[in-house]
Amino acid sequence: MKQFNWIPQESLQVKVKPKVKVISFGDGYEQRAPDGIHNQLRSYSLQFAGTEEEIRVIDQFLTEHGAVKAFRWTPQDTRKTSTFKCEEWSLEVRGYWNTLSATFQEVVA
C-alpha cells in the first residue's frame, strides 16, 4: 500500500459521523448502539496548493488509486498513520499556481 506524503495547507476540516444502530419503539423511545468496531471513522477536507507540476503529481497519485485502492496518510490532527480512500477531488488551474481540493475518508483495510 502506497504512502501519501504531500502536506496539505494548514487548515483542514475534520468530520466525524459515528455509525449507530437505532431501534425505534412506538412510544418515541429509541435504543442506540455503536454499529461495528470501527464506528467513528474520520473524513478530511483538504487543499493542496503548488506549481502546476506539484499538483499534477498529486492528481496522478489519486487517479492511480481511482477511489478503489486505499493508501496510507498521516493527518496533522492525530499524527497517526491510517488508511484512506479518496473518491472525489477537484482542480483549480490558475496558470502557474494551482490548487487541488480533496476529501480523504478513513477506511479499515
N, C-alpha and C. Protein backbone atom coordinates (compact mmCIF):
# COMPACT_ATOMS: atom_id res chain seq x y z
N MET A 1 0.86 -1.17 0.00
CA MET A 1 0.00 0.00 0.00
C MET A 1 0.91 1.24 0.00
N LYS A 2 0.61 2.16 -0.90
CA LYS A 2 1.43 3.36 -1.04
C LYS A 2 1.13 4.38 0.06
N GLN A 3 2.13 5.22 0.32
CA GLN A 3 2.01 6.29 1.32
C GLN A 3 1.77 7.62 0.60
N PHE A 4 0.77 8.39 1.05
CA PHE A 4 0.52 9.73 0.52
C PHE A 4 1.36 10.68 1.37
N ASN A 5 2.38 11.33 0.77
CA ASN A 5 3.35 12.12 1.53
C ASN A 5 3.22 13.63 1.38
N TRP A 6 2.29 14.12 0.58
CA TRP A 6 2.17 15.55 0.37
C TRP A 6 1.49 16.20 1.57
N ILE A 7 1.89 17.40 1.89
CA ILE A 7 1.36 18.11 3.05
C ILE A 7 0.31 19.12 2.58
N PRO A 8 -0.91 19.02 3.11
CA PRO A 8 -1.96 19.97 2.71
C PRO A 8 -1.74 21.33 3.34
N GLN A 9 -2.52 22.30 2.89
CA GLN A 9 -2.47 23.62 3.52
C GLN A 9 -2.83 23.47 4.99
N GLU A 10 -2.42 24.43 5.79
CA GLU A 10 -2.56 24.32 7.24
C GLU A 10 -3.97 24.05 7.73
N SER A 11 -4.95 24.71 7.16
CA SER A 11 -6.31 24.50 7.66
C SER A 11 -6.91 23.28 6.97
N LEU A 12 -7.52 22.43 7.77
CA LEU A 12 -8.23 21.29 7.23
C LEU A 12 -9.50 21.10 8.02
N GLN A 13 -10.48 20.52 7.38
CA GLN A 13 -11.77 20.29 8.03
C GLN A 13 -11.89 18.81 8.32
N VAL A 14 -12.16 18.48 9.59
CA VAL A 14 -12.31 17.09 10.01
C VAL A 14 -13.78 16.84 10.31
N LYS A 15 -14.31 15.75 9.77
CA LYS A 15 -15.71 15.41 10.00
C LYS A 15 -15.77 14.00 10.59
N VAL A 16 -16.49 13.87 11.68
CA VAL A 16 -16.69 12.57 12.30
C VAL A 16 -18.19 12.35 12.42
N LYS A 17 -18.67 11.26 11.86
CA LYS A 17 -20.09 10.93 11.95
C LYS A 17 -20.19 9.48 12.43
N PRO A 18 -20.33 9.28 13.75
CA PRO A 18 -20.38 7.92 14.28
C PRO A 18 -21.52 7.12 13.65
N LYS A 19 -21.24 5.86 13.33
CA LYS A 19 -22.26 4.96 12.80
C LYS A 19 -22.95 4.29 13.99
N VAL A 20 -24.26 4.42 14.05
CA VAL A 20 -25.02 3.82 15.15
C VAL A 20 -26.22 3.05 14.60
N LYS A 21 -26.58 2.02 15.32
CA LYS A 21 -27.81 1.29 15.02
C LYS A 21 -28.89 1.86 15.92
N VAL A 22 -30.05 2.15 15.35
CA VAL A 22 -31.15 2.75 16.12
C VAL A 22 -32.38 1.85 16.00
N ILE A 23 -32.94 1.53 17.14
CA ILE A 23 -34.21 0.80 17.17
C ILE A 23 -35.23 1.75 17.77
N SER A 24 -36.28 2.06 17.00
CA SER A 24 -37.32 2.98 17.46
C SER A 24 -38.54 2.18 17.92
N PHE A 25 -39.05 2.56 19.08
CA PHE A 25 -40.23 1.92 19.62
C PHE A 25 -41.44 2.83 19.42
N GLY A 26 -42.63 2.30 19.51
CA GLY A 26 -43.86 3.03 19.24
C GLY A 26 -44.10 4.22 20.14
N ASP A 27 -43.54 4.24 21.33
CA ASP A 27 -43.82 5.33 22.26
C ASP A 27 -42.79 6.46 22.16
N GLY A 28 -41.97 6.46 21.10
CA GLY A 28 -40.97 7.51 20.92
C GLY A 28 -39.62 7.18 21.52
N TYR A 29 -39.52 6.09 22.23
CA TYR A 29 -38.26 5.67 22.84
C TYR A 29 -37.35 5.09 21.77
N GLU A 30 -36.06 5.40 21.85
CA GLU A 30 -35.07 4.86 20.93
C GLU A 30 -33.98 4.15 21.71
N GLN A 31 -33.50 3.07 21.14
CA GLN A 31 -32.35 2.40 21.69
C GLN A 31 -31.23 2.53 20.66
N ARG A 32 -30.05 3.01 21.10
CA ARG A 32 -28.94 3.27 20.20
C ARG A 32 -27.72 2.47 20.63
N ALA A 33 -26.98 1.96 19.64
CA ALA A 33 -25.76 1.19 19.91
C ALA A 33 -24.76 1.43 18.78
N PRO A 34 -23.47 1.36 19.09
CA PRO A 34 -22.46 1.51 18.03
C PRO A 34 -22.66 0.45 16.95
N ASP A 35 -22.45 0.85 15.69
CA ASP A 35 -22.58 -0.06 14.56
C ASP A 35 -21.19 -0.55 14.16
N GLY A 36 -20.74 -1.61 14.78
CA GLY A 36 -19.43 -2.18 14.45
C GLY A 36 -18.32 -1.67 15.35
N ILE A 37 -17.16 -2.29 15.17
CA ILE A 37 -15.99 -1.93 15.99
C ILE A 37 -15.45 -0.57 15.59
N HIS A 38 -15.35 -0.32 14.30
CA HIS A 38 -14.79 0.93 13.78
C HIS A 38 -15.94 1.85 13.37
N ASN A 39 -16.61 2.40 14.33
CA ASN A 39 -17.81 3.17 14.03
C ASN A 39 -17.59 4.68 14.03
N GLN A 40 -16.35 5.14 14.24
CA GLN A 40 -16.09 6.58 14.26
C GLN A 40 -14.92 6.93 13.34
N LEU A 41 -15.06 6.58 12.08
CA LEU A 41 -14.02 6.89 11.10
C LEU A 41 -14.12 8.35 10.69
N ARG A 42 -12.99 8.94 10.39
CA ARG A 42 -12.92 10.38 10.09
C ARG A 42 -12.89 10.64 8.59
N SER A 43 -13.32 11.84 8.24
CA SER A 43 -13.27 12.33 6.87
C SER A 43 -12.58 13.69 6.91
N TYR A 44 -11.66 13.92 5.98
CA TYR A 44 -10.88 15.16 5.94
C TYR A 44 -11.10 15.89 4.62
N SER A 45 -11.42 17.17 4.71
CA SER A 45 -11.48 18.04 3.53
C SER A 45 -10.16 18.80 3.48
N LEU A 46 -9.43 18.61 2.38
CA LEU A 46 -8.06 19.13 2.28
C LEU A 46 -7.88 19.98 1.04
N GLN A 47 -6.89 20.86 1.10
CA GLN A 47 -6.49 21.64 -0.07
C GLN A 47 -4.98 21.61 -0.19
N PHE A 48 -4.52 21.45 -1.42
CA PHE A 48 -3.10 21.46 -1.72
C PHE A 48 -2.87 22.56 -2.75
N ALA A 49 -1.88 23.39 -2.51
CA ALA A 49 -1.55 24.47 -3.45
C ALA A 49 -0.10 24.31 -3.87
N GLY A 50 0.15 24.56 -5.14
CA GLY A 50 1.52 24.44 -5.62
C GLY A 50 1.61 24.74 -7.10
N THR A 51 2.79 24.49 -7.61
CA THR A 51 3.01 24.71 -9.04
C THR A 51 2.21 23.69 -9.84
N GLU A 52 2.10 23.92 -11.11
CA GLU A 52 1.37 23.01 -11.99
C GLU A 52 1.93 21.59 -11.86
N GLU A 53 3.24 21.45 -11.82
CA GLU A 53 3.87 20.14 -11.73
C GLU A 53 3.58 19.46 -10.39
N GLU A 54 3.66 20.20 -9.28
CA GLU A 54 3.40 19.64 -7.95
C GLU A 54 1.97 19.11 -7.85
N ILE A 55 1.03 19.88 -8.34
CA ILE A 55 -0.38 19.48 -8.28
C ILE A 55 -0.65 18.32 -9.23
N ARG A 56 0.01 18.30 -10.38
CA ARG A 56 -0.16 17.20 -11.33
C ARG A 56 0.27 15.87 -10.71
N VAL A 57 1.34 15.87 -9.92
CA VAL A 57 1.82 14.64 -9.28
C VAL A 57 0.79 14.12 -8.27
N ILE A 58 0.19 15.02 -7.50
CA ILE A 58 -0.85 14.62 -6.54
C ILE A 58 -2.06 14.07 -7.30
N ASP A 59 -2.45 14.76 -8.36
CA ASP A 59 -3.58 14.31 -9.19
C ASP A 59 -3.30 12.91 -9.75
N GLN A 60 -2.09 12.66 -10.20
CA GLN A 60 -1.73 11.35 -10.74
C GLN A 60 -1.81 10.27 -9.66
N PHE A 61 -1.38 10.59 -8.45
CA PHE A 61 -1.46 9.64 -7.34
C PHE A 61 -2.91 9.26 -7.09
N LEU A 62 -3.79 10.26 -6.98
CA LEU A 62 -5.20 9.99 -6.71
C LEU A 62 -5.86 9.26 -7.88
N THR A 63 -5.51 9.62 -9.10
CA THR A 63 -6.04 8.95 -10.29
C THR A 63 -5.61 7.49 -10.32
N GLU A 64 -4.37 7.23 -9.98
CA GLU A 64 -3.85 5.86 -9.95
C GLU A 64 -4.65 4.99 -8.96
N HIS A 65 -5.06 5.58 -7.84
CA HIS A 65 -5.82 4.83 -6.85
C HIS A 65 -7.31 4.76 -7.20
N GLY A 66 -7.79 5.71 -7.98
CA GLY A 66 -9.11 5.67 -8.58
C GLY A 66 -10.27 5.37 -7.66
N ALA A 67 -10.21 5.80 -6.41
CA ALA A 67 -11.28 5.59 -5.43
C ALA A 67 -11.50 4.11 -5.12
N VAL A 68 -10.59 3.26 -5.60
CA VAL A 68 -10.70 1.82 -5.36
C VAL A 68 -9.61 1.36 -4.40
N LYS A 69 -8.37 1.73 -4.71
CA LYS A 69 -7.25 1.32 -3.87
C LYS A 69 -7.07 2.32 -2.72
N ALA A 70 -6.85 1.80 -1.55
CA ALA A 70 -6.61 2.64 -0.38
C ALA A 70 -5.12 3.02 -0.32
N PHE A 71 -4.82 4.03 0.48
CA PHE A 71 -3.44 4.48 0.67
C PHE A 71 -3.25 4.88 2.13
N ARG A 72 -2.01 5.00 2.54
CA ARG A 72 -1.68 5.39 3.90
C ARG A 72 -1.44 6.90 3.93
N TRP A 73 -1.87 7.55 5.02
CA TRP A 73 -1.68 9.00 5.18
C TRP A 73 -1.69 9.33 6.67
N THR A 74 -0.92 10.36 7.05
CA THR A 74 -0.83 10.78 8.44
C THR A 74 -1.46 12.17 8.58
N PRO A 75 -2.68 12.26 9.13
CA PRO A 75 -3.32 13.56 9.33
C PRO A 75 -2.60 14.39 10.40
N GLN A 76 -2.64 15.71 10.23
CA GLN A 76 -1.98 16.60 11.17
C GLN A 76 -2.63 16.58 12.55
N ASP A 77 -3.93 16.30 12.63
CA ASP A 77 -4.61 16.40 13.92
C ASP A 77 -4.33 15.20 14.83
N THR A 78 -4.12 14.02 14.25
CA THR A 78 -3.88 12.84 15.07
C THR A 78 -2.42 12.40 15.06
N ARG A 79 -1.70 12.76 14.01
CA ARG A 79 -0.32 12.33 13.81
C ARG A 79 -0.18 10.81 13.87
N LYS A 80 -1.25 10.12 13.47
CA LYS A 80 -1.27 8.65 13.44
C LYS A 80 -1.55 8.21 12.01
N THR A 81 -0.67 7.41 11.45
CA THR A 81 -0.85 6.94 10.09
C THR A 81 -2.01 5.95 10.03
N SER A 82 -2.94 6.22 9.11
CA SER A 82 -4.12 5.37 8.94
C SER A 82 -4.33 5.12 7.45
N THR A 83 -5.36 4.36 7.14
CA THR A 83 -5.68 4.00 5.76
C THR A 83 -6.86 4.84 5.28
N PHE A 84 -6.74 5.37 4.05
CA PHE A 84 -7.75 6.28 3.50
C PHE A 84 -8.06 5.93 2.05
N LYS A 85 -9.19 6.45 1.59
CA LYS A 85 -9.54 6.43 0.17
C LYS A 85 -9.94 7.85 -0.20
N CYS A 86 -9.86 8.16 -1.48
CA CYS A 86 -10.29 9.46 -1.98
C CYS A 86 -11.20 9.21 -3.17
N GLU A 87 -12.49 9.49 -2.99
CA GLU A 87 -13.47 9.24 -4.04
C GLU A 87 -13.69 10.44 -4.95
N GLU A 88 -13.26 11.62 -4.49
CA GLU A 88 -13.53 12.82 -5.29
C GLU A 88 -12.50 13.90 -4.97
N TRP A 89 -12.03 14.57 -6.02
CA TRP A 89 -11.14 15.71 -5.87
C TRP A 89 -11.36 16.63 -7.04
N SER A 90 -10.94 17.87 -6.87
CA SER A 90 -11.13 18.86 -7.93
C SER A 90 -9.87 19.71 -8.06
N LEU A 91 -9.67 20.23 -9.25
CA LEU A 91 -8.51 21.07 -9.55
C LEU A 91 -8.96 22.48 -9.89
N GLU A 92 -8.22 23.44 -9.41
CA GLU A 92 -8.41 24.83 -9.83
C GLU A 92 -7.11 25.27 -10.48
N VAL A 93 -7.18 25.50 -11.78
CA VAL A 93 -5.99 25.85 -12.56
C VAL A 93 -5.94 27.36 -12.72
N ARG A 94 -4.86 27.95 -12.21
CA ARG A 94 -4.71 29.41 -12.28
C ARG A 94 -3.41 29.80 -12.98
N GLY A 95 -3.00 29.00 -13.91
CA GLY A 95 -1.74 29.28 -14.59
C GLY A 95 -0.61 28.57 -13.88
N TYR A 96 0.32 29.33 -13.32
CA TYR A 96 1.49 28.74 -12.69
C TYR A 96 1.16 28.12 -11.32
N TRP A 97 0.27 28.73 -10.54
CA TRP A 97 -0.05 28.28 -9.18
C TRP A 97 -1.44 27.65 -9.17
N ASN A 98 -1.53 26.37 -8.86
CA ASN A 98 -2.79 25.64 -8.92
C ASN A 98 -3.20 25.12 -7.54
N THR A 99 -4.46 24.71 -7.44
CA THR A 99 -5.00 24.19 -6.18
C THR A 99 -5.74 22.88 -6.46
N LEU A 100 -5.57 21.92 -5.57
CA LEU A 100 -6.30 20.67 -5.63
C LEU A 100 -7.05 20.51 -4.31
N SER A 101 -8.35 20.29 -4.38
CA SER A 101 -9.18 20.06 -3.20
C SER A 101 -9.61 18.60 -3.21
N ALA A 102 -9.54 17.95 -2.04
CA ALA A 102 -9.86 16.53 -1.97
C ALA A 102 -10.50 16.21 -0.63
N THR A 103 -11.24 15.11 -0.62
CA THR A 103 -11.80 14.58 0.62
C THR A 103 -11.23 13.19 0.83
N PHE A 104 -10.54 13.00 1.95
CA PHE A 104 -9.99 11.70 2.31
C PHE A 104 -10.91 11.07 3.34
N GLN A 105 -11.32 9.84 3.09
CA GLN A 105 -12.19 9.12 4.01
C GLN A 105 -11.42 7.95 4.60
N GLU A 106 -11.40 7.89 5.92
CA GLU A 106 -10.71 6.81 6.60
C GLU A 106 -11.44 5.49 6.35
N VAL A 107 -10.70 4.44 6.09
CA VAL A 107 -11.27 3.12 5.86
C VAL A 107 -10.52 2.09 6.71
N VAL A 108 -11.13 0.95 6.89
CA VAL A 108 -10.49 -0.15 7.59
C VAL A 108 -10.12 -1.17 6.53
N ALA A 109 -8.83 -1.41 6.38
CA ALA A 109 -8.37 -2.34 5.34
C ALA A 109 -7.72 -3.56 5.95
